Amino acid sequence: MRRDSRVFPPQNNYFFPTSSLKVEEAKDIHTSLRKAAGLMKFVQDSMIPQLVEKTRDGSDLDIRILSAYLNQVRDLA
């Protein structure tokens, strides 16, 4: 099956070119992503249920959106 380059861009890592990324920087990025995932999990489990008002659909506090953010950060870490 051939990939259409208009739909699927080439598999390049635009954010962190491997030639210029040092091991210490990679460790810092990994640590930061893990901390961010922990904070998002805390908000999802502890803070969202305590809200008085229902969150709007599609907002950053929508449980589906927050879950998507959490999954994305975990995948990157």
PDB file of N, CA and C in Angstrom:
ATOM      1  N   MET A   1       0.841  -1.165   0.000  1.00  0.00           N
ATOM      2  CA  MET A   1       0.000   0.000   0.000  1.00  0.00           C
ATOM      3  C   MET A   1       0.896   1.241   0.000  1.00  0.00           C
ATOM      4  N   ARG A   2       0.643   2.142  -0.919  1.00  0.00           N
ATOM      5  CA  ARG A   2       1.457   3.344  -1.053  1.00  0.00           C
ATOM      6  C   ARG A   2       0.845   4.480  -0.256  1.00  0.00           C
ATOM      7  N   ARG A   3       1.688   5.202   0.475  1.00  0.00           N
ATOM      8  CA  ARG A   3       1.213   6.337   1.277  1.00  0.00           C
ATOM      9  C   ARG A   3       1.126   7.576   0.400  1.00  0.00           C
ATOM     10  N   ASP A   4       0.041   8.282   0.496  1.00  0.00           N
ATOM     11  CA  ASP A   4      -0.132   9.530  -0.236  1.00  0.00           C
ATOM     12  C   ASP A   4       0.541  10.644   0.551  1.00  0.00           C
ATOM     13  N   SER A   5       1.528  11.311  -0.040  1.00  0.00           N
ATOM     14  CA  SER A   5       2.292  12.326   0.687  1.00  0.00           C
ATOM     15  C   SER A   5       1.459  13.556   1.013  1.00  0.00           C
ATOM     16  N   ARG A   6       0.326  13.750   0.336  1.00  0.00           N
ATOM     17  CA  ARG A   6      -0.532  14.884   0.663  1.00  0.00           C
ATOM     18  C   ARG A   6      -1.293  14.633   1.965  1.00  0.00           C
ATOM     19  N   VAL A   7      -1.603  13.380   2.242  1.00  0.00           N
ATOM     20  CA  VAL A   7      -2.348  13.033   3.453  1.00  0.00           C
ATOM     21  C   VAL A   7      -1.400  12.714   4.593  1.00  0.00           C
ATOM     22  N   PHE A   8      -0.367  11.957   4.311  1.00  0.00           N
ATOM     23  CA  PHE A   8       0.596  11.543   5.327  1.00  0.00           C
ATOM     24  C   PHE A   8       1.939  12.184   5.017  1.00  0.00           C
ATOM     25  N   PRO A   9       2.357  13.192   5.790  1.00  0.00           N
ATOM     26  CA  PRO A   9       3.647  13.819   5.517  1.00  0.00           C
ATOM     27  C   PRO A   9       4.775  12.831   5.768  1.00  0.00           C
ATOM     28  N   PRO A  10       5.949  13.096   5.214  1.00  0.00           N
ATOM     29  CA  PRO A  10       7.091  12.208   5.450  1.00  0.00           C
ATOM     30  C   PRO A  10       7.373  12.072   6.942  1.00  0.00           C
ATOM     31  N   GLN A  11       7.881  10.946   7.335  1.00  0.00           N
ATOM     32  CA  GLN A  11       8.137  10.655   8.748  1.00  0.00           C
ATOM     33  C   GLN A  11       9.436  11.304   9.202  1.00  0.00           C
ATOM     34  N   ASN A  12       9.432  12.606   9.308  1.00  0.00           N
ATOM     35  CA  ASN A  12      10.575  13.341   9.834  1.00  0.00           C
ATOM     36  C   ASN A  12      10.243  13.830  11.226  1.00  0.00           C
ATOM     37  N   ASN A  13      11.254  13.953  12.055  1.00  0.00           N
ATOM     38  CA  ASN A  13      11.041  14.475  13.394  1.00  0.00           C
ATOM     39  C   ASN A  13      11.374  15.959  13.373  1.00  0.00           C
ATOM     40  N   TYR A  14      10.354  16.799  13.189  1.00  0.00           N
ATOM     41  CA  TYR A  14      10.578  18.224  13.039  1.00  0.00           C
ATOM     42  C   TYR A  14      10.906  18.916  14.355  1.00  0.00           C
ATOM     43  N   PHE A  15      10.465  18.356  15.457  1.00  0.00           N
ATOM     44  CA  PHE A  15      10.642  19.016  16.739  1.00  0.00           C
ATOM     45  C   PHE A  15      12.042  18.824  17.298  1.00  0.00           C
ATOM     46  N   PHE A  16      12.568  17.637  17.205  1.00  0.00           N
ATOM     47  CA  PHE A  16      13.867  17.333  17.787  1.00  0.00           C
ATOM     48  C   PHE A  16      14.724  16.595  16.773  1.00  0.00           C
ATOM     49  N   PRO A  17      15.479  17.323  15.966  1.00  0.00           N
ATOM     50  CA  PRO A  17      16.366  16.625  15.031  1.00  0.00           C
ATOM     51  C   PRO A  17      17.369  15.778  15.801  1.00  0.00           C
ATOM     52  N   THR A  18      17.493  14.526  15.445  1.00  0.00           N
ATOM     53  CA  THR A  18      18.341  13.603  16.199  1.00  0.00           C
ATOM     54  C   THR A  18      19.807  13.998  16.167  1.00  0.00           C
ATOM     55  N   SER A  19      20.241  14.697  15.141  1.00  0.00           N
ATOM     56  CA  SER A  19      21.654  15.039  15.053  1.00  0.00           C
ATOM     57  C   SER A  19      22.057  16.097  16.080  1.00  0.00           C
ATOM     58  N   SER A  20      21.104  16.920  16.535  1.00  0.00           N
ATOM     59  CA  SER A  20      21.470  17.990  17.459  1.00  0.00           C
ATOM     60  C   SER A  20      20.969  17.749  18.889  1.00  0.00           C
ATOM     61  N   LEU A  21      20.274  16.662  19.141  1.00  0.00           N
ATOM     62  CA  LEU A  21      19.720  16.389  20.464  1.00  0.00           C
ATOM     63  C   LEU A  21      20.742  15.606  21.291  1.00  0.00           C
ATOM     64  N   LYS A  22      21.082  16.162  22.436  1.00  0.00           N
ATOM     65  CA  LYS A  22      22.042  15.510  23.323  1.00  0.00           C
ATOM     66  C   LYS A  22      21.291  14.623  24.313  1.00  0.00           C
ATOM     67  N   VAL A  23      22.002  13.683  24.903  1.00  0.00           N
ATOM     68  CA  VAL A  23      21.398  12.726  25.830  1.00  0.00           C
ATOM     69  C   VAL A  23      20.789  13.446  27.029  1.00  0.00           C
ATOM     70  N   GLU A  24      21.483  14.420  27.572  1.00  0.00           N
ATOM     71  CA  GLU A  24      20.966  15.151  28.736  1.00  0.00           C
ATOM     72  C   GLU A  24      19.673  15.902  28.385  1.00  0.00           C
ATOM     73  N   GLU A  25      19.628  16.490  27.195  1.00  0.00           N
ATOM     74  CA  GLU A  25      18.417  17.186  26.766  1.00  0.00           C
ATOM     75  C   GLU A  25      17.261  16.213  26.610  1.00  0.00           C
ATOM     76  N   ALA A  26      17.540  15.039  26.057  1.00  0.00           N
ATOM     77  CA  ALA A  26      16.507  14.017  25.886  1.00  0.00           C
ATOM     78  C   ALA A  26      15.972  13.564  27.244  1.00  0.00           C
ATOM     79  N   LYS A  27      16.856  13.433  28.221  1.00  0.00           N
ATOM     80  CA  LYS A  27      16.432  13.042  29.567  1.00  0.00           C
ATOM     81  C   LYS A  27      15.554  14.125  30.188  1.00  0.00           C
ATOM     82  N   ASP A  28      15.922  15.398  29.993  1.00  0.00           N
ATOM     83  CA  ASP A  28      15.118  16.510  30.506  1.00  0.00           C
ATOM     84  C   ASP A  28      13.728  16.538  29.865  1.00  0.00           C
ATOM     85  N   ILE A  29      13.685  16.311  28.566  1.00  0.00           N
ATOM     86  CA  ILE A  29      12.402  16.294  27.857  1.00  0.00           C
ATOM     87  C   ILE A  29      11.536  15.151  28.373  1.00  0.00           C
ATOM     88  N   HIS A  30      12.117  13.983  28.518  1.00  0.00           N
ATOM     89  CA  HIS A  30      11.379  12.820  29.013  1.00  0.00           C
ATOM     90  C   HIS A  30      10.837  13.080  30.423  1.00  0.00           C
ATOM     91  N   THR A  31      11.672  13.640  31.286  1.00  0.00           N
ATOM     92  CA  THR A  31      11.258  13.943  32.657  1.00  0.00           C
ATOM     93  C   THR A  31      10.115  14.956  32.669  1.00  0.00           C
ATOM     94  N   SER A  32      10.222  15.978  31.855  1.00  0.00           N
ATOM     95  CA  SER A  32       9.173  17.005  31.793  1.00  0.00           C
ATOM     96  C   SER A  32       7.854  16.427  31.297  1.00  0.00           C
ATOM     97  N   LEU A  33       7.924  15.563  30.296  1.00  0.00           N
ATOM     98  CA  LEU A  33       6.702  14.950  29.779  1.00  0.00           C
ATOM     99  C   LEU A  33       6.055  14.039  30.818  1.00  0.00           C
ATOM    100  N   ARG A  34       6.872  13.307  31.560  1.00  0.00           N
ATOM    101  CA  ARG A  34       6.327  12.432  32.611  1.00  0.00           C
ATOM    102  C   ARG A  34       5.662  13.252  33.715  1.00  0.00           C
ATOM    103  N   LYS A  35       6.279  14.370  34.099  1.00  0.00           N
ATOM    104  CA  LYS A  35       5.685  15.245  35.118  1.00  0.00           C
ATOM    105  C   LYS A  35       4.372  15.832  34.613  1.00  0.00           C
ATOM    106  N   ALA A  36       4.351  16.255  33.348  1.00  0.00           N
ATOM    107  CA  ALA A  36       3.131  16.800  32.770  1.00  0.00           C
ATOM    108  C   ALA A  36       2.019  15.760  32.755  1.00  0.00           C
ATOM    109  N   ALA A  37       2.352  14.532  32.436  1.00  0.00           N
ATOM    110  CA  ALA A  37       1.353  13.465  32.432  1.00  0.00           C
ATOM    111  C   ALA A  37       0.808  13.224  33.843  1.00  0.00           C
ATOM    112  N   GLY A  38       1.679  13.289  34.836  1.00  0.00           N
ATOM    113  CA  GLY A  38       1.234  13.124  36.221  1.00  0.00           C
ATOM    114  C   GLY A  38       0.299  14.228  36.660  1.00  0.00           C
ATOM    115  N   LEU A  39       0.603  15.460  36.264  1.00  0.00           N
ATOM    116  CA  LEU A  39      -0.278  16.584  36.600  1.00  0.00           C
ATOM    117  C   LEU A  39      -1.634  16.452  35.908  1.00  0.00           C
ATOM    118  N   MET A  40      -1.618  16.065  34.653  1.00  0.00           N
ATOM    119  CA  MET A  40      -2.887  15.896  33.930  1.00  0.00           C
ATOM    120  C   MET A  40      -3.724  14.780  34.544  1.00  0.00           C
ATOM    121  N   LYS A  41      -3.070  13.716  34.953  1.00  0.00           N
ATOM    122  CA  LYS A  41      -3.784  12.596  35.589  1.00  0.00           C
ATOM    123  C   LYS A  41      -4.393  13.049  36.912  1.00  0.00           C
ATOM    124  N   PHE A  42      -3.667  13.854  37.680  1.00  0.00           N
ATOM    125  CA  PHE A  42      -4.183  14.378  38.936  1.00  0.00           C
ATOM    126  C   PHE A  42      -5.415  15.253  38.696  1.00  0.00           C
ATOM    127  N   VAL A  43      -5.327  16.140  37.714  1.00  0.00           N
ATOM    128  CA  VAL A  43      -6.474  17.002  37.394  1.00  0.00           C
ATOM    129  C   VAL A  43      -7.665  16.154  36.976  1.00  0.00           C
ATOM    130  N   GLN A  44      -7.420  15.163  36.143  1.00  0.00           N
ATOM    131  CA  GLN A  44      -8.493  14.310  35.646  1.00  0.00           C
ATOM    132  C   GLN A  44      -9.158  13.525  36.779  1.00  0.00           C
ATOM    133  N   ASP A  45      -8.370  12.986  37.683  1.00  0.00           N
ATOM    134  CA  ASP A  45      -8.912  12.126  38.741  1.00  0.00           C
ATOM    135  C   ASP A  45      -9.424  12.893  39.950  1.00  0.00           C
ATOM    136  N   SER A  46      -8.780  13.996  40.304  1.00  0.00           N
ATOM    137  CA  SER A  46      -9.091  14.671  41.565  1.00  0.00           C
ATOM    138  C   SER A  46      -9.841  15.986  41.406  1.00  0.00           C
ATOM    139  N   MET A  47      -9.485  16.764  40.419  1.00  0.00           N
ATOM    140  CA  MET A  47     -10.037  18.107  40.316  1.00  0.00           C
ATOM    141  C   MET A  47     -11.330  18.182  39.498  1.00  0.00           C
ATOM    142  N   ILE A  48     -11.393  17.495  38.384  1.00  0.00           N
ATOM    143  CA  ILE A  48     -12.578  17.559  37.526  1.00  0.00           C
ATOM    144  C   ILE A  48     -13.834  17.099  38.256  1.00  0.00           C
ATOM    145  N   PRO A  49     -13.791  16.008  39.032  1.00  0.00           N
ATOM    146  CA  PRO A  49     -15.014  15.594  39.741  1.00  0.00           C
ATOM    147  C   PRO A  49     -15.493  16.615  40.781  1.00  0.00           C
ATOM    148  N   GLN A  50     -14.618  17.490  41.246  1.00  0.00           N
ATOM    149  CA  GLN A  50     -14.993  18.470  42.264  1.00  0.00           C
ATOM    150  C   GLN A  50     -15.591  19.748  41.680  1.00  0.00           C
ATOM    151  N   LEU A  51     -15.559  19.901  40.377  1.00  0.00           N
ATOM    152  CA  LEU A  51     -16.100  21.114  39.761  1.00  0.00           C
ATOM    153  C   LEU A  51     -17.604  21.201  39.999  1.00  0.00           C
ATOM    154  N   VAL A  52     -18.082  22.395  40.321  1.00  0.00           N
ATOM    155  CA  VAL A  52     -19.500  22.616  40.573  1.00  0.00           C
ATOM    156  C   VAL A  52     -20.273  22.635  39.261  1.00  0.00           C
ATOM    157  N   GLU A  53     -19.725  23.355  38.277  1.00  0.00           N
ATOM    158  CA  GLU A  53     -20.378  23.451  36.979  1.00  0.00           C
ATOM    159  C   GLU A  53     -19.866  22.362  36.046  1.00  0.00           C
ATOM    160  N   LYS A  54     -20.747  21.912  35.166  1.00  0.00           N
ATOM    161  CA  LYS A  54     -20.349  20.933  34.161  1.00  0.00           C
ATOM    162  C   LYS A  54     -19.443  21.621  33.139  1.00  0.00           C
ATOM    163  N   THR A  55     -18.399  20.939  32.718  1.00  0.00           N
ATOM    164  CA  THR A  55     -17.495  21.520  31.732  1.00  0.00           C
ATOM    165  C   THR A  55     -18.158  21.522  30.361  1.00  0.00           C
ATOM    166  N   ARG A  56     -17.790  22.518  29.552  1.00  0.00           N
ATOM    167  CA  ARG A  56     -18.349  22.601  28.204  1.00  0.00           C
ATOM    168  C   ARG A  56     -17.744  21.514  27.333  1.00  0.00           C
ATOM    169  N   ASP A  57     -18.542  20.994  26.419  1.00  0.00           N
ATOM    170  CA  ASP A  57     -18.029  19.999  25.480  1.00  0.00           C
ATOM    171  C   ASP A  57     -16.955  20.628  24.600  1.00  0.00           C
ATOM    172  N   GLY A  58     -15.839  19.957  24.487  1.00  0.00           N
ATOM    173  CA  GLY A  58     -14.749  20.430  23.645  1.00  0.00           C
ATOM    174  C   GLY A  58     -13.782  21.377  24.327  1.00  0.00           C
ATOM    175  N   SER A  59     -14.035  21.720  25.587  1.00  0.00           N
ATOM    176  CA  SER A  59     -13.096  22.595  26.298  1.00  0.00           C
ATOM    177  C   SER A  59     -11.918  21.770  26.807  1.00  0.00           C
ATOM    178  N   ASP A  60     -10.877  22.445  27.257  1.00  0.00           N
ATOM    179  CA  ASP A  60      -9.702  21.734  27.761  1.00  0.00           C
ATOM    180  C   ASP A  60     -10.022  20.890  28.986  1.00  0.00           C
ATOM    181  N   LEU A  61     -11.068  21.223  29.716  1.00  0.00           N
ATOM    182  CA  LEU A  61     -11.443  20.451  30.901  1.00  0.00           C
ATOM    183  C   LEU A  61     -12.459  19.351  30.594  1.00  0.00           C
ATOM    184  N   ASP A  62     -12.892  19.248  29.350  1.00  0.00           N
ATOM    185  CA  ASP A  62     -13.747  18.134  28.941  1.00  0.00           C
ATOM    186  C   ASP A  62     -12.955  16.850  29.143  1.00  0.00           C
ATOM    187  N   ILE A  63     -13.558  15.873  29.781  1.00  0.00           N
ATOM    188  CA  ILE A  63     -12.838  14.648  30.151  1.00  0.00           C
ATOM    189  C   ILE A  63     -12.270  13.935  28.924  1.00  0.00           C
ATOM    190  N   ARG A  64     -12.952  14.018  27.794  1.00  0.00           N
ATOM    191  CA  ARG A  64     -12.449  13.372  26.569  1.00  0.00           C
ATOM    192  C   ARG A  64     -11.215  14.091  26.038  1.00  0.00           C
ATOM    193  N   ILE A  65     -11.240  15.424  26.088  1.00  0.00           N
ATOM    194  CA  ILE A  65     -10.100  16.204  25.610  1.00  0.00           C
ATOM    195  C   ILE A  65      -8.907  16.011  26.537  1.00  0.00           C
ATOM    196  N   LEU A  66      -9.161  16.052  27.840  1.00  0.00           N
ATOM    197  CA  LEU A  66      -8.084  15.854  28.807  1.00  0.00           C
ATOM    198  C   LEU A  66      -7.475  14.455  28.660  1.00  0.00           C
ATOM    199  N   SER A  67      -8.303  13.463  28.397  1.00  0.00           N
ATOM    200  CA  SER A  67      -7.789  12.101  28.169  1.00  0.00           C
ATOM    201  C   SER A  67      -6.924  12.045  26.921  1.00  0.00           C
ATOM    202  N   ALA A  68      -7.330  12.763  25.877  1.00  0.00           N
ATOM    203  CA  ALA A  68      -6.531  12.800  24.647  1.00  0.00           C
ATOM    204  C   ALA A  68      -5.178  13.458  24.903  1.00  0.00           C
ATOM    205  N   TYR A  69      -5.187  14.572  25.658  1.00  0.00           N
ATOM    206  CA  TYR A  69      -3.928  15.233  26.018  1.00  0.00           C
ATOM    207  C   TYR A  69      -3.030  14.282  26.805  1.00  0.00           C
ATOM    208  N   LEU A  70      -3.628  13.611  27.775  1.00  0.00           N
ATOM    209  CA  LEU A  70      -2.869  12.695  28.622  1.00  0.00           C
ATOM    210  C   LEU A  70      -2.255  11.567  27.793  1.00  0.00           C
ATOM    211  N   ASN A  71      -3.039  10.992  26.900  1.00  0.00           N
ATOM    212  CA  ASN A  71      -2.518   9.918  26.051  1.00  0.00           C
ATOM    213  C   ASN A  71      -1.405  10.411  25.140  1.00  0.00           C
ATOM    214  N   GLN A  72      -1.541  11.611  24.623  1.00  0.00           N
ATOM    215  CA  GLN A  72      -0.518  12.157  23.737  1.00  0.00           C
ATOM    216  C   GLN A  72       0.794  12.381  24.492  1.00  0.00           C
ATOM    217  N   VAL A  73       0.708  12.930  25.693  1.00  0.00           N
ATOM    218  CA  VAL A  73       1.923  13.173  26.468  1.00  0.00           C
ATOM    219  C   VAL A  73       2.572  11.856  26.872  1.00  0.00           C
ATOM    220  N   ARG A  74       1.764  10.884  27.250  1.00  0.00           N
ATOM    221  CA  ARG A  74       2.326   9.576  27.604  1.00  0.00           C
ATOM    222  C   ARG A  74       3.009   8.916  26.407  1.00  0.00           C
ATOM    223  N   ASP A  75       2.414   9.054  25.226  1.00  0.00           N
ATOM    224  CA  ASP A  75       3.015   8.467  24.042  1.00  0.00           C
ATOM    225  C   ASP A  75       4.346   9.131  23.689  1.00  0.00           C
ATOM    226  N   LEU A  76       4.421  10.444  23.913  1.00  0.00           N
ATOM    227  CA  LEU A  76       5.669  11.149  23.604  1.00  0.00           C
ATOM    228  C   LEU A  76       6.757  10.837  24.623  1.00  0.00           C
ATOM    229  N   ALA A  77       6.365  10.541  25.850  1.00  0.00           N
ATOM    230  CA  ALA A  77       7.348  10.237  26.887  1.00  0.00           C
ATOM    231  C   ALA A  77       7.764   8.817  26.749  1.00  0.00           C
TER     232      ALA A  77
END
